[in-house]
Protein backbone atom coordinates (compact mmCIF):
# COMPACT_ATOMS: atom_id res chain seq x y z
CA UNK A 1 0.00 0.00 0.00
CA UNK A 2 1.33 3.45 -0.97
CA UNK A 3 1.86 6.22 1.49
CA UNK A 4 0.08 9.56 1.17
CA UNK A 5 3.25 11.40 0.06
CA UNK A 6 3.61 8.97 -2.87
CA UNK A 7 0.06 9.72 -4.04
CA UNK A 8 0.71 13.42 -3.63
CA UNK A 9 3.91 13.25 -5.69
CA UNK A 10 2.11 11.38 -8.48
CA UNK A 11 -0.72 13.90 -8.60
CA UNK A 12 1.57 16.84 -9.39
CA UNK A 13 0.38 18.46 -12.59
CA UNK A 14 2.39 20.19 -15.26
CA UNK A 15 0.74 22.94 -17.30
CA UNK A 16 1.96 23.64 -20.83
CA UNK A 17 1.64 27.05 -22.47
CA UNK A 18 2.79 28.59 -25.73
CA UNK A 19 3.61 32.29 -25.47
CA UNK A 20 3.41 34.26 -28.72
CA UNK A 21 4.71 37.78 -29.33
CA UNK A 22 4.11 39.69 -32.54
CA UNK A 23 6.87 41.87 -34.00
CA UNK A 24 10.60 42.03 -33.42
CA UNK A 25 11.78 40.81 -30.02
CA UNK A 26 15.06 42.01 -28.56
CA UNK A 27 17.39 39.79 -26.56
CA UNK A 28 17.04 42.16 -23.60
CA UNK A 29 13.23 41.82 -23.64
CA UNK A 30 13.43 38.01 -23.72
CA UNK A 31 15.85 37.89 -20.80
CA UNK A 32 13.59 40.18 -18.73
CA UNK A 33 10.54 38.08 -19.62
CA UNK A 34 12.31 34.87 -18.58
CA UNK A 35 13.30 36.50 -15.27
CA UNK A 36 9.65 37.38 -14.64
CA UNK A 37 8.55 33.84 -15.51
CA UNK A 38 11.01 32.43 -12.95
CA UNK A 39 8.72 33.57 -10.13
CA UNK A 40 6.15 30.98 -11.25
CA UNK A 41 8.58 28.03 -10.88
CA UNK A 42 8.86 26.91 -14.52
CA UNK A 43 9.81 23.31 -15.19
CA UNK A 44 11.08 24.11 -18.67
CA UNK A 45 11.33 27.18 -20.89
CA UNK A 46 11.84 26.29 -24.54
CA UNK A 47 13.89 28.15 -27.08
CA UNK A 48 12.26 30.90 -29.09
CA UNK A 49 11.18 30.36 -32.68
CA UNK A 50 10.24 33.05 -35.18
CA UNK A 51 8.03 32.81 -38.23
CA UNK A 52 8.85 34.65 -41.42
CA UNK A 53 7.09 37.94 -42.04
CA UNK A 54 3.45 37.20 -42.81
CA UNK A 55 0.82 39.38 -44.43
CA UNK A 56 -1.64 38.67 -41.59
CA UNK A 57 -0.11 36.58 -38.76
CA UNK A 58 -2.30 33.90 -37.18
CA UNK A 59 -3.78 34.90 -33.78
CA UNK A 60 -3.01 38.58 -34.44
CA UNK A 61 -5.59 39.84 -36.97
CA UNK A 62 -4.94 43.55 -36.33
CA UNK A 63 -1.26 43.33 -37.31
CA UNK A 64 -0.01 43.27 -40.89
CA UNK A 65 3.38 42.30 -42.30
CA UNK A 66 4.92 41.14 -39.02
CA UNK A 67 6.65 38.03 -37.75
CA UNK A 68 5.56 36.07 -34.67
CA UNK A 69 7.99 34.84 -32.02
CA UNK A 70 6.82 31.94 -29.86
CA UNK A 71 8.20 29.64 -27.18
CA UNK A 72 6.82 26.86 -24.98
CA UNK A 73 6.76 26.97 -21.19
CA UNK A 74 5.90 24.29 -18.62
CA UNK A 75 4.79 25.22 -15.09
CA UNK A 76 3.97 23.19 -11.98
PDB file of N, CA and C in Angstrom:
ATOM      1  N   UNK A   1       0.839  -1.174   0.000  1.00  0.00           N
ATOM      2  CA  UNK A   1       0.000   0.000   0.000  1.00  0.00           C
ATOM      3  C   UNK A   1       0.890   1.245   0.000  1.00  0.00           C
ATOM      4  N   UNK A   2       0.536   2.230  -0.846  1.00  0.00           N
ATOM      5  CA  UNK A   2       1.331   3.446  -0.967  1.00  0.00           C
ATOM      6  C   UNK A   2       1.031   4.404   0.176  1.00  0.00           C
ATOM      7  N   UNK A   3       2.044   5.192   0.480  1.00  0.00           N
ATOM      8  CA  UNK A   3       1.857   6.221   1.486  1.00  0.00           C
ATOM      9  C   UNK A   3       1.258   7.466   0.829  1.00  0.00           C
ATOM     10  N   UNK A   4       0.728   8.353   1.662  1.00  0.00           N
ATOM     11  CA  UNK A   4       0.080   9.561   1.165  1.00  0.00           C
ATOM     12  C   UNK A   4       1.043  10.428   0.364  1.00  0.00           C
ATOM     13  N   UNK A   5       2.294  10.551   0.789  1.00  0.00           N
ATOM     14  CA  UNK A   5       3.246  11.403   0.063  1.00  0.00           C
ATOM     15  C   UNK A   5       3.524  10.867  -1.335  1.00  0.00           C
ATOM     16  N   UNK A   6       3.430   9.544  -1.536  1.00  0.00           N
ATOM     17  CA  UNK A   6       3.607   8.970  -2.870  1.00  0.00           C
ATOM     18  C   UNK A   6       2.441   9.358  -3.789  1.00  0.00           C
ATOM     19  N   UNK A   7       1.219   9.283  -3.262  1.00  0.00           N
ATOM     20  CA  UNK A   7       0.061   9.718  -4.038  1.00  0.00           C
ATOM     21  C   UNK A   7       0.144  11.201  -4.371  1.00  0.00           C
ATOM     22  N   UNK A   8       0.596  11.982  -3.418  1.00  0.00           N
ATOM     23  CA  UNK A   8       0.709  13.416  -3.629  1.00  0.00           C
ATOM     24  C   UNK A   8       1.744  13.735  -4.699  1.00  0.00           C
ATOM     25  N   UNK A   9       2.862  13.025  -4.690  1.00  0.00           N
ATOM     26  CA  UNK A   9       3.906  13.248  -5.689  1.00  0.00           C
ATOM     27  C   UNK A   9       3.422  12.860  -7.085  1.00  0.00           C
ATOM     28  N   UNK A  10       2.614  11.816  -7.187  1.00  0.00           N
ATOM     29  CA  UNK A  10       2.106  11.379  -8.481  1.00  0.00           C
ATOM     30  C   UNK A  10       1.050  12.331  -9.033  1.00  0.00           C
ATOM     31  N   UNK A  11       0.367  13.031  -8.148  1.00  0.00           N
ATOM     32  CA  UNK A  11      -0.716  13.896  -8.602  1.00  0.00           C
ATOM     33  C   UNK A  11      -0.245  15.293  -9.012  1.00  0.00           C
ATOM     34  N   UNK A  12       1.048  15.539  -8.987  1.00  0.00           N
ATOM     35  CA  UNK A  12       1.573  16.842  -9.390  1.00  0.00           C
ATOM     36  C   UNK A  12       1.329  17.055 -10.872  1.00  0.00           C
ATOM     37  N   UNK A  13       0.719  18.163 -11.198  1.00  0.00           N
ATOM     38  CA  UNK A  13       0.378  18.458 -12.588  1.00  0.00           C
ATOM     39  C   UNK A  13       1.378  19.417 -13.198  1.00  0.00           C
ATOM     40  N   UNK A  14       1.543  19.285 -14.492  1.00  0.00           N
ATOM     41  CA  UNK A  14       2.389  20.185 -15.260  1.00  0.00           C
ATOM     42  C   UNK A  14       1.499  20.853 -16.298  1.00  0.00           C
ATOM     43  N   UNK A  15       1.566  22.169 -16.373  1.00  0.00           N
ATOM     44  CA  UNK A  15       0.744  22.944 -17.299  1.00  0.00           C
ATOM     45  C   UNK A  15       1.619  23.484 -18.419  1.00  0.00           C
ATOM     46  N   UNK A  16       1.208  23.230 -19.650  1.00  0.00           N
ATOM     47  CA  UNK A  16       1.960  23.643 -20.834  1.00  0.00           C
ATOM     48  C   UNK A  16       1.304  24.855 -21.480  1.00  0.00           C
ATOM     49  N   UNK A  17       2.120  25.836 -21.807  1.00  0.00           N
ATOM     50  CA  UNK A  17       1.642  27.046 -22.475  1.00  0.00           C
ATOM     51  C   UNK A  17       2.561  27.388 -23.627  1.00  0.00           C
ATOM     52  N   UNK A  18       2.006  28.028 -24.631  1.00  0.00           N
ATOM     53  CA  UNK A  18       2.788  28.591 -25.732  1.00  0.00           C
ATOM     54  C   UNK A  18       2.579  30.093 -25.696  1.00  0.00           C
ATOM     55  N   UNK A  19       3.655  30.825 -25.536  1.00  0.00           N
ATOM     56  CA  UNK A  19       3.610  32.288 -25.472  1.00  0.00           C
ATOM     57  C   UNK A  19       4.010  32.816 -26.843  1.00  0.00           C
ATOM     58  N   UNK A  20       3.161  33.690 -27.403  1.00  0.00           N
ATOM     59  CA  UNK A  20       3.412  34.262 -28.720  1.00  0.00           C
ATOM     60  C   UNK A  20       3.512  35.777 -28.605  1.00  0.00           C
ATOM     61  N   UNK A  21       4.481  36.335 -29.316  1.00  0.00           N
ATOM     62  CA  UNK A  21       4.708  37.776 -29.326  1.00  0.00           C
ATOM     63  C   UNK A  21       4.826  38.203 -30.781  1.00  0.00           C
ATOM     64  N   UNK A  22       4.062  39.218 -31.158  1.00  0.00           N
ATOM     65  CA  UNK A  22       4.106  39.695 -32.536  1.00  0.00           C
ATOM     66  C   UNK A  22       5.152  40.807 -32.644  1.00  0.00           C
ATOM     67  N   UNK A  23       5.858  40.838 -33.755  1.00  0.00           N
ATOM     68  CA  UNK A  23       6.867  41.868 -33.996  1.00  0.00           C
ATOM     69  C   UNK A  23       8.260  41.409 -33.614  1.00  0.00           C
ATOM     70  N   UNK A  24       9.213  42.329 -33.761  1.00  0.00           N
ATOM     71  CA  UNK A  24      10.601  42.029 -33.424  1.00  0.00           C
ATOM     72  C   UNK A  24      10.769  41.972 -31.906  1.00  0.00           C
ATOM     73  N   UNK A  25      11.544  41.000 -31.450  1.00  0.00           N
ATOM     74  CA  UNK A  25      11.776  40.807 -30.015  1.00  0.00           C
ATOM     75  C   UNK A  25      13.277  40.931 -29.768  1.00  0.00           C
ATOM     76  N   UNK A  26      13.651  41.831 -28.872  1.00  0.00           N
ATOM     77  CA  UNK A  26      15.059  42.010 -28.557  1.00  0.00           C
ATOM     78  C   UNK A  26      15.515  40.960 -27.547  1.00  0.00           C
ATOM     79  N   UNK A  27      16.813  40.738 -27.505  1.00  0.00           N
ATOM     80  CA  UNK A  27      17.391  39.788 -26.557  1.00  0.00           C
ATOM     81  C   UNK A  27      17.170  40.274 -25.133  1.00  0.00           C
ATOM     82  N   UNK A  28      17.251  41.575 -24.925  1.00  0.00           N
ATOM     83  CA  UNK A  28      17.036  42.159 -23.599  1.00  0.00           C
ATOM     84  C   UNK A  28      15.610  41.905 -23.109  1.00  0.00           C
ATOM     85  N   UNK A  29      14.631  42.068 -23.999  1.00  0.00           N
ATOM     86  CA  UNK A  29      13.229  41.825 -23.635  1.00  0.00           C
ATOM     87  C   UNK A  29      13.024  40.360 -23.244  1.00  0.00           C
ATOM     88  N   UNK A  30      13.590  39.434 -24.015  1.00  0.00           N
ATOM     89  CA  UNK A  30      13.425  38.013 -23.718  1.00  0.00           C
ATOM     90  C   UNK A  30      14.061  37.645 -22.389  1.00  0.00           C
ATOM     91  N   UNK A  31      15.221  38.204 -22.089  1.00  0.00           N
ATOM     92  CA  UNK A  31      15.850  37.890 -20.805  1.00  0.00           C
ATOM     93  C   UNK A  31      15.030  38.434 -19.643  1.00  0.00           C
ATOM     94  N   UNK A  32      14.447  39.626 -19.786  1.00  0.00           N
ATOM     95  CA  UNK A  32      13.590  40.177 -18.732  1.00  0.00           C
ATOM     96  C   UNK A  32      12.314  39.356 -18.569  1.00  0.00           C
ATOM     97  N   UNK A  33      11.742  38.900 -19.687  1.00  0.00           N
ATOM     98  CA  UNK A  33      10.540  38.075 -19.622  1.00  0.00           C
ATOM     99  C   UNK A  33      10.825  36.752 -18.920  1.00  0.00           C
ATOM    100  N   UNK A  34      11.952  36.134 -19.227  1.00  0.00           N
ATOM    101  CA  UNK A  34      12.307  34.872 -18.578  1.00  0.00           C
ATOM    102  C   UNK A  34      12.571  35.063 -17.093  1.00  0.00           C
ATOM    103  N   UNK A  35      13.123  36.201 -16.705  1.00  0.00           N
ATOM    104  CA  UNK A  35      13.304  36.495 -15.274  1.00  0.00           C
ATOM    105  C   UNK A  35      11.958  36.615 -14.578  1.00  0.00           C
ATOM    106  N   UNK A  36      10.989  37.250 -15.220  1.00  0.00           N
ATOM    107  CA  UNK A  36       9.652  37.380 -14.642  1.00  0.00           C
ATOM    108  C   UNK A  36       8.953  36.026 -14.552  1.00  0.00           C
ATOM    109  N   UNK A  37       9.161  35.160 -15.536  1.00  0.00           N
ATOM    110  CA  UNK A  37       8.547  33.838 -15.510  1.00  0.00           C
ATOM    111  C   UNK A  37       9.139  32.950 -14.420  1.00  0.00           C
ATOM    112  N   UNK A  38      10.362  33.231 -13.992  1.00  0.00           N
ATOM    113  CA  UNK A  38      11.008  32.430 -12.953  1.00  0.00           C
ATOM    114  C   UNK A  38      10.250  32.462 -11.629  1.00  0.00           C
ATOM    115  N   UNK A  39       9.472  33.489 -11.376  1.00  0.00           N
ATOM    116  CA  UNK A  39       8.724  33.571 -10.127  1.00  0.00           C
ATOM    117  C   UNK A  39       7.582  32.561 -10.070  1.00  0.00           C
ATOM    118  N   UNK A  40       7.223  31.963 -11.201  1.00  0.00           N
ATOM    119  CA  UNK A  40       6.152  30.976 -11.252  1.00  0.00           C
ATOM    120  C   UNK A  40       6.681  29.543 -11.277  1.00  0.00           C
ATOM    121  N   UNK A  41       7.958  29.351 -10.970  1.00  0.00           N
ATOM    122  CA  UNK A  41       8.584  28.033 -10.876  1.00  0.00           C
ATOM    123  C   UNK A  41       8.412  27.215 -12.162  1.00  0.00           C
ATOM    124  N   UNK A  42       9.003  27.673 -13.277  1.00  0.00           N
ATOM    125  CA  UNK A  42       8.858  26.913 -14.523  1.00  0.00           C
ATOM    126  C   UNK A  42       9.667  25.618 -14.491  1.00  0.00           C
ATOM    127  N   UNK A  43       9.104  24.574 -15.060  1.00  0.00           N
ATOM    128  CA  UNK A  43       9.808  23.314 -15.193  1.00  0.00           C
ATOM    129  C   UNK A  43      10.774  23.410 -16.365  1.00  0.00           C
ATOM    130  N   UNK A  44      10.267  23.997 -17.459  1.00  0.00           N
ATOM    131  CA  UNK A  44      11.081  24.113 -18.672  1.00  0.00           C
ATOM    132  C   UNK A  44      10.633  25.329 -19.464  1.00  0.00           C
ATOM    133  N   UNK A  45      11.596  26.073 -19.976  1.00  0.00           N
ATOM    134  CA  UNK A  45      11.326  27.178 -20.890  1.00  0.00           C
ATOM    135  C   UNK A  45      12.045  26.840 -22.194  1.00  0.00           C
ATOM    136  N   UNK A  46      11.280  26.673 -23.254  1.00  0.00           N
ATOM    137  CA  UNK A  46      11.840  26.288 -24.537  1.00  0.00           C
ATOM    138  C   UNK A  46      12.536  27.448 -25.240  1.00  0.00           C
ATOM    139  N   UNK A  47      13.206  27.117 -26.313  1.00  0.00           N
ATOM    140  CA  UNK A  47      13.885  28.151 -27.084  1.00  0.00           C
ATOM    141  C   UNK A  47      12.874  28.875 -27.963  1.00  0.00           C
ATOM    142  N   UNK A  48      13.187  30.096 -28.300  1.00  0.00           N
ATOM    143  CA  UNK A  48      12.259  30.900 -29.093  1.00  0.00           C
ATOM    144  C   UNK A  48      12.393  30.566 -30.570  1.00  0.00           C
ATOM    145  N   UNK A  49      11.246  30.622 -31.239  1.00  0.00           N
ATOM    146  CA  UNK A  49      11.180  30.362 -32.679  1.00  0.00           C
ATOM    147  C   UNK A  49      10.423  31.508 -33.326  1.00  0.00           C
ATOM    148  N   UNK A  50      10.895  31.948 -34.473  1.00  0.00           N
ATOM    149  CA  UNK A  50      10.236  33.051 -35.184  1.00  0.00           C
ATOM    150  C   UNK A  50       9.721  32.572 -36.526  1.00  0.00           C
ATOM    151  N   UNK A  51       8.570  33.090 -36.904  1.00  0.00           N
ATOM    152  CA  UNK A  51       8.027  32.812 -38.226  1.00  0.00           C
ATOM    153  C   UNK A  51       8.547  33.869 -39.192  1.00  0.00           C
ATOM    154  N   UNK A  52       8.517  33.587 -40.471  1.00  0.00           N
ATOM    155  CA  UNK A  52       8.852  34.646 -41.423  1.00  0.00           C
ATOM    156  C   UNK A  52       7.774  35.727 -41.395  1.00  0.00           C
ATOM    157  N   UNK A  53       8.061  36.845 -41.988  1.00  0.00           N
ATOM    158  CA  UNK A  53       7.093  37.936 -42.039  1.00  0.00           C
ATOM    159  C   UNK A  53       5.865  37.453 -42.814  1.00  0.00           C
ATOM    160  N   UNK A  54       4.699  37.651 -42.205  1.00  0.00           N
ATOM    161  CA  UNK A  54       3.451  37.201 -42.806  1.00  0.00           C
ATOM    162  C   UNK A  54       2.546  38.396 -43.064  1.00  0.00           C
ATOM    163  N   UNK A  55       1.733  38.294 -44.093  1.00  0.00           N
ATOM    164  CA  UNK A  55       0.821  39.382 -44.429  1.00  0.00           C
ATOM    165  C   UNK A  55      -0.183  39.619 -43.304  1.00  0.00           C
ATOM    166  N   UNK A  56      -0.764  38.559 -42.763  1.00  0.00           N
ATOM    167  CA  UNK A  56      -1.636  38.668 -41.586  1.00  0.00           C
ATOM    168  C   UNK A  56      -1.333  37.473 -40.680  1.00  0.00           C
ATOM    169  N   UNK A  57      -0.525  37.686 -39.638  1.00  0.00           N
ATOM    170  CA  UNK A  57      -0.114  36.585 -38.762  1.00  0.00           C
ATOM    171  C   UNK A  57      -1.308  35.937 -38.054  1.00  0.00           C
ATOM    172  N   UNK A  58      -1.249  34.626 -37.906  1.00  0.00           N
ATOM    173  CA  UNK A  58      -2.298  33.903 -37.182  1.00  0.00           C
ATOM    174  C   UNK A  58      -2.340  34.382 -35.738  1.00  0.00           C
ATOM    175  N   UNK A  59      -3.519  34.464 -35.158  1.00  0.00           N
ATOM    176  CA  UNK A  59      -3.779  34.899 -33.779  1.00  0.00           C
ATOM    177  C   UNK A  59      -3.596  36.397 -33.558  1.00  0.00           C
ATOM    178  N   UNK A  60      -3.179  37.133 -34.562  1.00  0.00           N
ATOM    179  CA  UNK A  60      -3.010  38.583 -34.440  1.00  0.00           C
ATOM    180  C   UNK A  60      -3.633  39.269 -35.659  1.00  0.00           C
ATOM    181  N   UNK A  61      -4.952  39.321 -35.751  1.00  0.00           N
ATOM    182  CA  UNK A  61      -5.591  39.843 -36.968  1.00  0.00           C
ATOM    183  C   UNK A  61      -5.403  41.338 -37.192  1.00  0.00           C
ATOM    184  N   UNK A  62      -5.078  42.099 -36.159  1.00  0.00           N
ATOM    185  CA  UNK A  62      -4.938  43.552 -36.328  1.00  0.00           C
ATOM    186  C   UNK A  62      -3.554  43.967 -36.812  1.00  0.00           C
ATOM    187  N   UNK A  63      -2.628  43.020 -36.873  1.00  0.00           N
ATOM    188  CA  UNK A  63      -1.264  43.335 -37.312  1.00  0.00           C
ATOM    189  C   UNK A  63      -1.062  42.850 -38.733  1.00  0.00           C
ATOM    190  N   UNK A  64      -0.318  43.627 -39.509  1.00  0.00           N
ATOM    191  CA  UNK A  64      -0.010  43.268 -40.892  1.00  0.00           C
ATOM    192  C   UNK A  64       1.493  43.287 -41.091  1.00  0.00           C
ATOM    193  N   UNK A  65       1.966  42.362 -41.910  1.00  0.00           N
ATOM    194  CA  UNK A  65       3.380  42.298 -42.303  1.00  0.00           C
ATOM    195  C   UNK A  65       4.315  42.263 -41.100  1.00  0.00           C
ATOM    196  N   UNK A  66       4.076  41.320 -40.201  1.00  0.00           N
ATOM    197  CA  UNK A  66       4.923  41.136 -39.020  1.00  0.00           C
ATOM    198  C   UNK A  66       5.249  39.658 -38.854  1.00  0.00           C
ATOM    199  N   UNK A  67       6.312  39.406 -38.106  1.00  0.00           N
ATOM    200  CA  UNK A  67       6.647  38.029 -37.748  1.00  0.00           C
ATOM    201  C   UNK A  67       6.122  37.746 -36.339  1.00  0.00           C
ATOM    202  N   UNK A  68       6.036  36.478 -35.992  1.00  0.00           N
ATOM    203  CA  UNK A  68       5.561  36.070 -34.675  1.00  0.00           C
ATOM    204  C   UNK A  68       6.643  35.231 -34.023  1.00  0.00           C
ATOM    205  N   UNK A  69       7.022  35.597 -32.804  1.00  0.00           N
ATOM    206  CA  UNK A  69       7.986  34.844 -32.017  1.00  0.00           C
ATOM    207  C   UNK A  69       7.215  34.056 -30.974  1.00  0.00           C
ATOM    208  N   UNK A  70       7.523  32.768 -30.832  1.00  0.00           N
ATOM    209  CA  UNK A  70       6.819  31.940 -29.862  1.00  0.00           C
ATOM    210  C   UNK A  70       7.811  31.031 -29.144  1.00  0.00           C
ATOM    211  N   UNK A  71       7.431  30.621 -27.925  1.00  0.00           N
ATOM    212  CA  UNK A  71       8.198  29.636 -27.185  1.00  0.00           C
ATOM    213  C   UNK A  71       7.268  28.918 -26.212  1.00  0.00           C
ATOM    214  N   UNK A  72       7.629  27.683 -25.861  1.00  0.00           N
ATOM    215  CA  UNK A  72       6.815  26.860 -24.983  1.00  0.00           C
ATOM    216  C   UNK A  72       7.352  26.936 -23.556  1.00  0.00           C
ATOM    217  N   UNK A  73       6.416  26.908 -22.606  1.00  0.00           N
ATOM    218  CA  UNK A  73       6.761  26.974 -21.188  1.00  0.00           C
ATOM    219  C   UNK A  73       5.953  25.919 -20.445  1.00  0.00           C
ATOM    220  N   UNK A  74       6.584  25.237 -19.488  1.00  0.00           N
ATOM    221  CA  UNK A  74       5.898  24.285 -18.625  1.00  0.00           C
ATOM    222  C   UNK A  74       5.996  24.777 -17.180  1.00  0.00           C
ATOM    223  N   UNK A  75       4.853  24.786 -16.492  1.00  0.00           N
ATOM    224  CA  UNK A  75       4.793  25.216 -15.088  1.00  0.00           C
ATOM    225  C   UNK A  75       4.228  24.097 -14.237  1.00  0.00           C
ATOM    226  N   UNK A  76       4.569  24.112 -12.947  1.00  0.00           N
ATOM    227  CA  UNK A  76       3.966  23.190 -11.980  1.00  0.00           C
ATOM    228  C   UNK A  76       2.685  23.765 -11.484  1.00  0.00           C
TER     229      UNK A  76
END
